[in-house]
C-alpha atoms as a PDB file:
ATOM      1  CA  ASN A   1      -0.235  -0.608   0.548  1.00  0.00           C
ATOM      2  CA  LYS A   2       2.493   2.326  -0.755  1.00  0.00           C
ATOM      3  CA  LYS A   3       4.064   4.435  -4.192  1.00  0.00           C
ATOM      4  CA  SER A   4       7.890   4.899  -4.672  1.00  0.00           C
ATOM      5  CA  ASN A   5       9.520   8.421  -4.511  1.00  0.00           C
ATOM      6  CA  TRP A   6       9.678   9.961  -7.535  1.00  0.00           C
ATOM      7  CA  ARG A   7      11.729  12.216  -9.061  1.00  0.00           C
ATOM      8  CA  GLU A   8      12.521  14.282 -11.496  1.00  0.00           C
ATOM      9  CA  LYS A   9      16.111  12.758 -11.828  1.00  0.00           C
ATOM     10  CA  VAL A  10      16.514   9.171 -12.312  1.00  0.00           C
ATOM     11  CA  GLU A  11      19.236   8.494  -9.664  1.00  0.00           C
ATOM     12  CA  LYS A  12      19.158   5.213  -7.928  1.00  0.00           C
ATOM     13  CA  ILE A  13      18.227   1.583 -10.406  1.00  0.00           C
ATOM     14  CA  LEU A  14      17.120  -1.599  -9.955  1.00  0.00           C
ATOM     15  CA  ILE A  15      18.077  -4.909 -10.964  1.00  0.00           C
ATOM     16  CA  ILE A  16      16.663  -8.078  -9.650  1.00  0.00           C
ATOM     17  CA  GLN A  17      15.821 -11.247 -11.396  1.00  0.00           C
ATOM     18  CA  GLY A  18      14.065 -13.062  -8.799  1.00  0.00           C
ATOM     19  CA  GLY A  19      15.497 -16.328  -6.234  1.00  0.00           C
ATOM     20  CA  SER A  20      17.509 -17.998  -7.921  1.00  0.00           C
ATOM     21  CA  ASP A  21      18.698 -16.191 -11.350  1.00  0.00           C
ATOM     22  CA  SER A  22      19.356 -19.486 -12.868  1.00  0.00           C
ATOM     23  CA  PHE A  23      20.721 -18.136 -15.636  1.00  0.00           C
ATOM     24  CA  GLY A  24      22.390 -15.479 -14.055  1.00  0.00           C
ATOM     25  CA  ILE A  25      21.333 -12.629 -15.305  1.00  0.00           C
ATOM     26  CA  ALA A  26      21.292 -10.164 -12.486  1.00  0.00           C
ATOM     27  CA  PRO A  27      25.377 -10.599 -13.178  1.00  0.00           C
ATOM     28  CA  LYS A  28      25.320  -9.795 -17.077  1.00  0.00           C
ATOM     29  CA  ILE A  29      23.198  -6.789 -16.949  1.00  0.00           C
ATOM     30  CA  VAL A  30      24.832  -4.983 -14.931  1.00  0.00           C
ATOM     31  CA  ARG A  31      28.038  -5.340 -16.749  1.00  0.00           C
ATOM     32  CA  ASP A  32      26.059  -4.111 -19.935  1.00  0.00           C
ATOM     33  CA  LEU A  33      24.672  -1.103 -18.412  1.00  0.00           C
ATOM     34  CA  GLU A  34      28.573  -0.380 -16.368  1.00  0.00           C
ATOM     35  CA  SER A  35      28.946   2.364 -18.219  1.00  0.00           C
ATOM     36  CA  LEU A  36      26.003   4.354 -16.866  1.00  0.00           C
ATOM     37  CA  LEU A  37      28.276   4.538 -14.270  1.00  0.00           C
ATOM     38  CA  LEU A  38      30.026   7.432 -15.124  1.00  0.00           C
ATOM     39  CA  ASN A  39      27.553   9.968 -14.235  1.00  0.00           C
ATOM     40  CA  LYS A  40      28.359   9.197 -10.266  1.00  0.00           C
ATOM     41  CA  SER A  41      24.790  10.486  -9.356  1.00  0.00           C
ATOM     42  CA  ILE A  42      23.883   6.514 -10.849  1.00  0.00           C
ATOM     43  CA  ALA A  43      23.795   3.939  -8.726  1.00  0.00           C
ATOM     44  CA  MET A  44      22.614   0.367  -9.316  1.00  0.00           C
ATOM     45  CA  HIS A  45      20.923  -1.386  -6.417  1.00  0.00           C
ATOM     46  CA  VAL A  46      21.527  -5.547  -7.386  1.00  0.00           C
ATOM     47  CA  VAL A  47      18.970  -7.491  -5.362  1.00  0.00           C
ATOM     48  CA  VAL A  48      19.906 -11.010  -5.813  1.00  0.00           C
ATOM     49  CA  GLY A  49      17.808 -14.273  -4.193  1.00  0.00           C
ATOM     50  CA  PRO A  50      18.141 -16.521  -1.524  1.00  0.00           C
ATOM     51  CA  ALA A  51      18.540 -19.020  -4.554  1.00  0.00           C
ATOM     52  CA  SER A  52      21.211 -17.554  -6.921  1.00  0.00           C
ATOM     53  CA  ASN A  53      24.526 -18.276  -6.685  1.00  0.00           C
ATOM     54  CA  GLN A  54      26.042 -14.720  -6.375  1.00  0.00           C
ATOM     55  CA  SER A  55      29.018 -14.795  -8.804  1.00  0.00           C
ATOM     56  CA  HIS A  56      32.002 -13.151  -8.135  1.00  0.00           C
ATOM     57  CA  GLU A  57      31.639 -11.025 -11.524  1.00  0.00           C
ATOM     58  CA  LEU A  58      29.645  -9.258  -9.692  1.00  0.00           C
ATOM     59  CA  LEU A  59      31.596  -8.933  -6.389  1.00  0.00           C
ATOM     60  CA  ASN A  60      34.072  -7.950  -8.369  1.00  0.00           C
ATOM     61  CA  LEU A  61      32.025  -5.288 -10.287  1.00  0.00           C
ATOM     62  CA  SER A  62      30.570  -4.195  -6.666  1.00  0.00           C
ATOM     63  CA  ASN A  63      34.024  -3.499  -5.650  1.00  0.00           C
ATOM     64  CA  LYS A  64      35.434  -1.858  -8.598  1.00  0.00           C
ATOM     65  CA  HIS A  65      32.297   0.962  -8.591  1.00  0.00           C
ATOM     66  CA  HIS A  66      31.655   1.207  -5.313  1.00  0.00           C
ATOM     67  CA  ASN A  67      28.579   2.695  -3.276  1.00  0.00           C
ATOM     68  CA  GLN A  68      27.748   2.895  -7.363  1.00  0.00           C
ATOM     69  CA  ILE A  69      27.110  -0.999  -7.451  1.00  0.00           C
ATOM     70  CA  VAL A  70      25.840  -2.177  -4.749  1.00  0.00           C
ATOM     71  CA  ILE A  71      24.639  -5.571  -4.089  1.00  0.00           C
ATOM     72  CA  HIS A  72      21.812  -6.642  -1.516  1.00  0.00           C
ATOM     73  CA  GLU A  73      19.526 -10.139   0.098  1.00  0.00           C
ATOM     74  CA  ASN A  74      17.528 -10.877   1.514  1.00  0.00           C
ATOM     75  CA  ILE A  75      15.310  -8.004   1.413  1.00  0.00           C
ATOM     76  CA  LEU A  76      12.630  -8.791   4.367  1.00  0.00           C
ATOM     77  CA  GLU A  77      10.394  -5.539   3.864  1.00  0.00           C
ATOM     78  CA  MET A  78       9.647  -4.935  -0.587  1.00  0.00           C
ATOM     79  CA  SER A  79       7.889  -2.120  -0.412  1.00  0.00           C
ATOM     80  CA  ASP A  80      10.233   0.010   1.840  1.00  0.00           C
ATOM     81  CA  PHE A  81      13.725  -1.166  -0.175  1.00  0.00           C
ATOM     82  CA  LEU A  82      10.849  -0.116  -3.808  1.00  0.00           C
ATOM     83  CA  GLU A  83       9.961   3.364  -1.969  1.00  0.00           C
ATOM     84  CA  ASP A  84      13.868   5.300  -3.450  1.00  0.00           C
ATOM     85  CA  VAL A  85      13.987   2.753  -6.374  1.00  0.00           C
ATOM     86  CA  ASP A  86      13.544   5.442 -10.014  1.00  0.00           C
ATOM     87  CA  LEU A  87      14.036   2.695 -12.980  1.00  0.00           C
ATOM     88  CA  ALA A  88      13.649  -0.764 -12.421  1.00  0.00           C
ATOM     89  CA  ILE A  89      15.210  -3.638 -14.988  1.00  0.00           C
ATOM     90  CA  SER A  90      13.167  -7.047 -13.219  1.00  0.00           C
ATOM     91  CA  SER A  91      12.269 -10.173 -14.314  1.00  0.00           C
ATOM     92  CA  VAL A  92       8.617 -10.887 -14.925  1.00  0.00           C
ATOM     93  CA  GLY A  93       7.955 -13.154 -11.670  1.00  0.00           C
ATOM     94  CA  VAL A  94       5.918 -11.533  -8.368  1.00  0.00           C
ATOM     95  CA  VAL A  95       8.620  -8.782  -8.623  1.00  0.00           C
ATOM     96  CA  ALA A  96       6.955  -7.560 -11.601  1.00  0.00           C
ATOM     97  CA  PHE A  97       4.430  -6.626 -10.053  1.00  0.00           C
ATOM     98  CA  GLU A  98       5.263  -5.683  -6.753  1.00  0.00           C
ATOM     99  CA  ILE A  99       7.182  -2.746  -8.567  1.00  0.00           C
ATOM    100  CA  ALA A 100       4.654  -2.133 -10.948  1.00  0.00           C
ATOM    101  CA  SER A 101       1.364  -1.739  -7.736  1.00  0.00           C
ATOM    102  CA  MET A 102       4.551   0.880  -6.005  1.00  0.00           C
ATOM    103  CA  GLY A 103       4.632   2.997  -9.531  1.00  0.00           C
ATOM    104  CA  ILE A 104       7.655   2.243 -11.045  1.00  0.00           C
ATOM    105  CA  PRO A 105       8.800   2.204 -14.737  1.00  0.00           C
ATOM    106  CA  ALA A 106      10.455  -0.722 -15.256  1.00  0.00           C
ATOM    107  CA  ILE A 107      12.415  -2.804 -17.836  1.00  0.00           C
ATOM    108  CA  HIS A 108      11.751  -6.600 -18.308  1.00  0.00           C
ATOM    109  CA  VAL A 109      14.047  -8.761 -19.373  1.00  0.00           C
ATOM    110  CA  THR A 110      13.167 -12.399 -18.656  1.00  0.00           C
ATOM    111  CA  GLY A 111      15.166 -16.263 -18.926  1.00  0.00           C
ATOM    112  CA  VAL A 112      11.751 -17.893 -18.924  1.00  0.00           C
ATOM    113  CA  GLU A 113      10.157 -18.103 -22.338  1.00  0.00           C
ATOM    114  CA  LYS A 114       6.840 -18.819 -19.188  1.00  0.00           C
ATOM    115  CA  GLU A 115       7.615 -14.783 -18.507  1.00  0.00           C
ATOM    116  CA  LEU A 116       7.365 -14.005 -22.285  1.00  0.00           C
ATOM    117  CA  GLU A 117       3.129 -13.361 -22.065  1.00  0.00           C
ATOM    118  CA  THR A 118       3.362 -11.786 -18.466  1.00  0.00           C
ATOM    119  CA  GLY A 119       5.724  -9.677 -19.948  1.00  0.00           C
ATOM    120  CA  GLU A 120       3.970  -8.188 -23.088  1.00  0.00           C
ATOM    121  CA  SER A 121       0.501  -7.860 -21.282  1.00  0.00           C
ATOM    122  CA  MET A 122       2.387  -5.255 -18.531  1.00  0.00           C
ATOM    123  CA  SER A 123       3.744  -3.584 -21.255  1.00  0.00           C
ATOM    124  CA  ASN A 124       0.600  -3.283 -23.443  1.00  0.00           C
ATOM    125  CA  LEU A 125      -0.704  -1.561 -20.019  1.00  0.00           C
ATOM    126  CA  GLY A 126       1.860   0.491 -19.789  1.00  0.00           C
ATOM    127  CA  VAL A 127       3.682  -0.213 -16.876  1.00  0.00           C
ATOM    128  CA  SER A 128       6.873  -1.814 -18.561  1.00  0.00           C
ATOM    129  CA  ILE A 129       9.128  -1.913 -21.658  1.00  0.00           C
ATOM    130  CA  ASN A 130       9.515  -6.272 -22.552  1.00  0.00           C
ATOM    131  CA  MET A 131      12.577  -6.855 -23.914  1.00  0.00           C
ATOM    132  CA  GLY A 132      12.138 -10.514 -23.692  1.00  0.00           C
ATOM    133  CA  MET A 133      14.534 -13.299 -23.139  1.00  0.00           C
ATOM    134  CA  TYR A 134      17.668 -11.555 -22.395  1.00  0.00           C
ATOM    135  CA  ASN A 135      20.458 -11.678 -25.042  1.00  0.00           C
ATOM    136  CA  SER A 136      23.810 -10.792 -24.006  1.00  0.00           C
ATOM    137  CA  LEU A 137      24.720  -9.636 -28.373  1.00  0.00           C
ATOM    138  CA  SER A 138      22.166  -7.123 -28.046  1.00  0.00           C
ATOM    139  CA  THR A 139      22.533  -3.251 -27.276  1.00  0.00           C
ATOM    140  CA  GLN A 140      18.953  -2.794 -26.964  1.00  0.00           C
ATOM    141  CA  LEU A 141      18.482  -3.283 -23.111  1.00  0.00           C
ATOM    142  CA  TYR A 142      21.400  -0.351 -22.339  1.00  0.00           C
ATOM    143  CA  SER A 143      19.620   1.956 -25.207  1.00  0.00           C
ATOM    144  CA  THR A 144      16.009   1.547 -23.492  1.00  0.00           C
ATOM    145  CA  VAL A 145      17.378   2.145 -20.269  1.00  0.00           C
ATOM    146  CA  LEU A 146      19.334   5.331 -21.701  1.00  0.00           C
ATOM    147  CA  LYS A 147      15.296   7.014 -23.452  1.00  0.00           C
ATOM    148  CA  LEU A 148      14.472   6.139 -19.852  1.00  0.00           C
ATOM    149  CA  ILE A 149      16.416   8.141 -18.090  1.00  0.00           C
ATOM    150  CA  ASN A 150      16.585  10.575 -20.437  1.00  0.00           C
ATOM    151  CA  ASN A 151      12.884  11.053 -20.261  1.00  0.00           C
ATOM    152  CA  LYS A 152      11.555  11.740 -17.760  1.00  0.00           C
ATOM    153  CA  PHE A 153       7.818  12.708 -19.240  1.00  0.00           C
ATOM    154  CA  LEU A 154       8.453   9.224 -20.590  1.00  0.00           C
ATOM    155  CA  ARG A 155       8.780   7.882 -17.065  1.00  0.00           C
ATOM    156  CA  LYS A 156       6.035   9.552 -15.525  1.00  0.00           C
ATOM    157  CA  ARG A 157       3.872   7.925 -17.255  1.00  0.00           C
ATOM    158  CA  MET A 158       4.430   4.790 -16.628  1.00  0.00           C
ATOM    159  CA  ARG A 159       4.313   5.492 -13.411  1.00  0.00           C
ATOM    160  CA  ASP A 160       0.974   6.740 -13.699  1.00  0.00           C
ATOM    161  CA  ASN A 161       0.060   3.692 -15.697  1.00  0.00           C
ATOM    162  CA  CYS A 162       1.373   2.125 -13.060  1.00  0.00           C
ATOM    163  CA  LEU A 163      -0.643   3.475 -10.275  1.00  0.00           C
ATOM    164  CA  LYS A 164      -3.564   3.947 -12.656  1.00  0.00           C
ATOM    165  CA  ASN A 165      -3.513  -0.890 -13.817  1.00  0.00           C
ATOM    166  CA  PHE A 166      -2.416  -2.033  -9.898  1.00  0.00           C
ATOM    167  CA  ASP A 167      -5.020   0.049  -7.800  1.00  0.00           C
ATOM    168  CA  LEU A 168      -5.488  -1.797  -5.188  1.00  0.00           C
ATOM    169  CA  SER A 169      -9.366  -1.487  -5.857  1.00  0.00           C
ATOM    170  CA  ILE A 170      -8.947  -3.220  -8.369  1.00  0.00           C
ATOM    171  CA  THR A 171      -6.558  -5.923  -8.730  1.00  0.00           C
END
């Protein structure tokens, strides 16, 4: 029953791929977006679940970009954690609905086919941009993140769609 705090500028990007991240997508996304950290006001917060094999690569990136890549584990109060997130890059499981219900614009990336239909549906509602199956060879994720960082009106419209479509009275 909470909303995220709206900021004109993107400062906190959430990267979350569910409780296990079986395909190790979260560290790959961080690597794909690493050059965003040249903007010192941006930080990536990566949530790794209890069943995730936290990779050495993710720890190395976090050490390399101290305070700009922050790793979180075992979050007990997800709504409290999400309050200050400006943009999320997530799988299309339960967390996608938590993100949408708080009014956070999102990009959905998945490693499993069963999430594709839900990702497309959420994109059609205007709450997210669905990238489909993760592709490490594509630069499309980076350009989509940049587009959202640089377009506060698009992010605001996505936020409004989130709050409209995932209102507690109708959900």
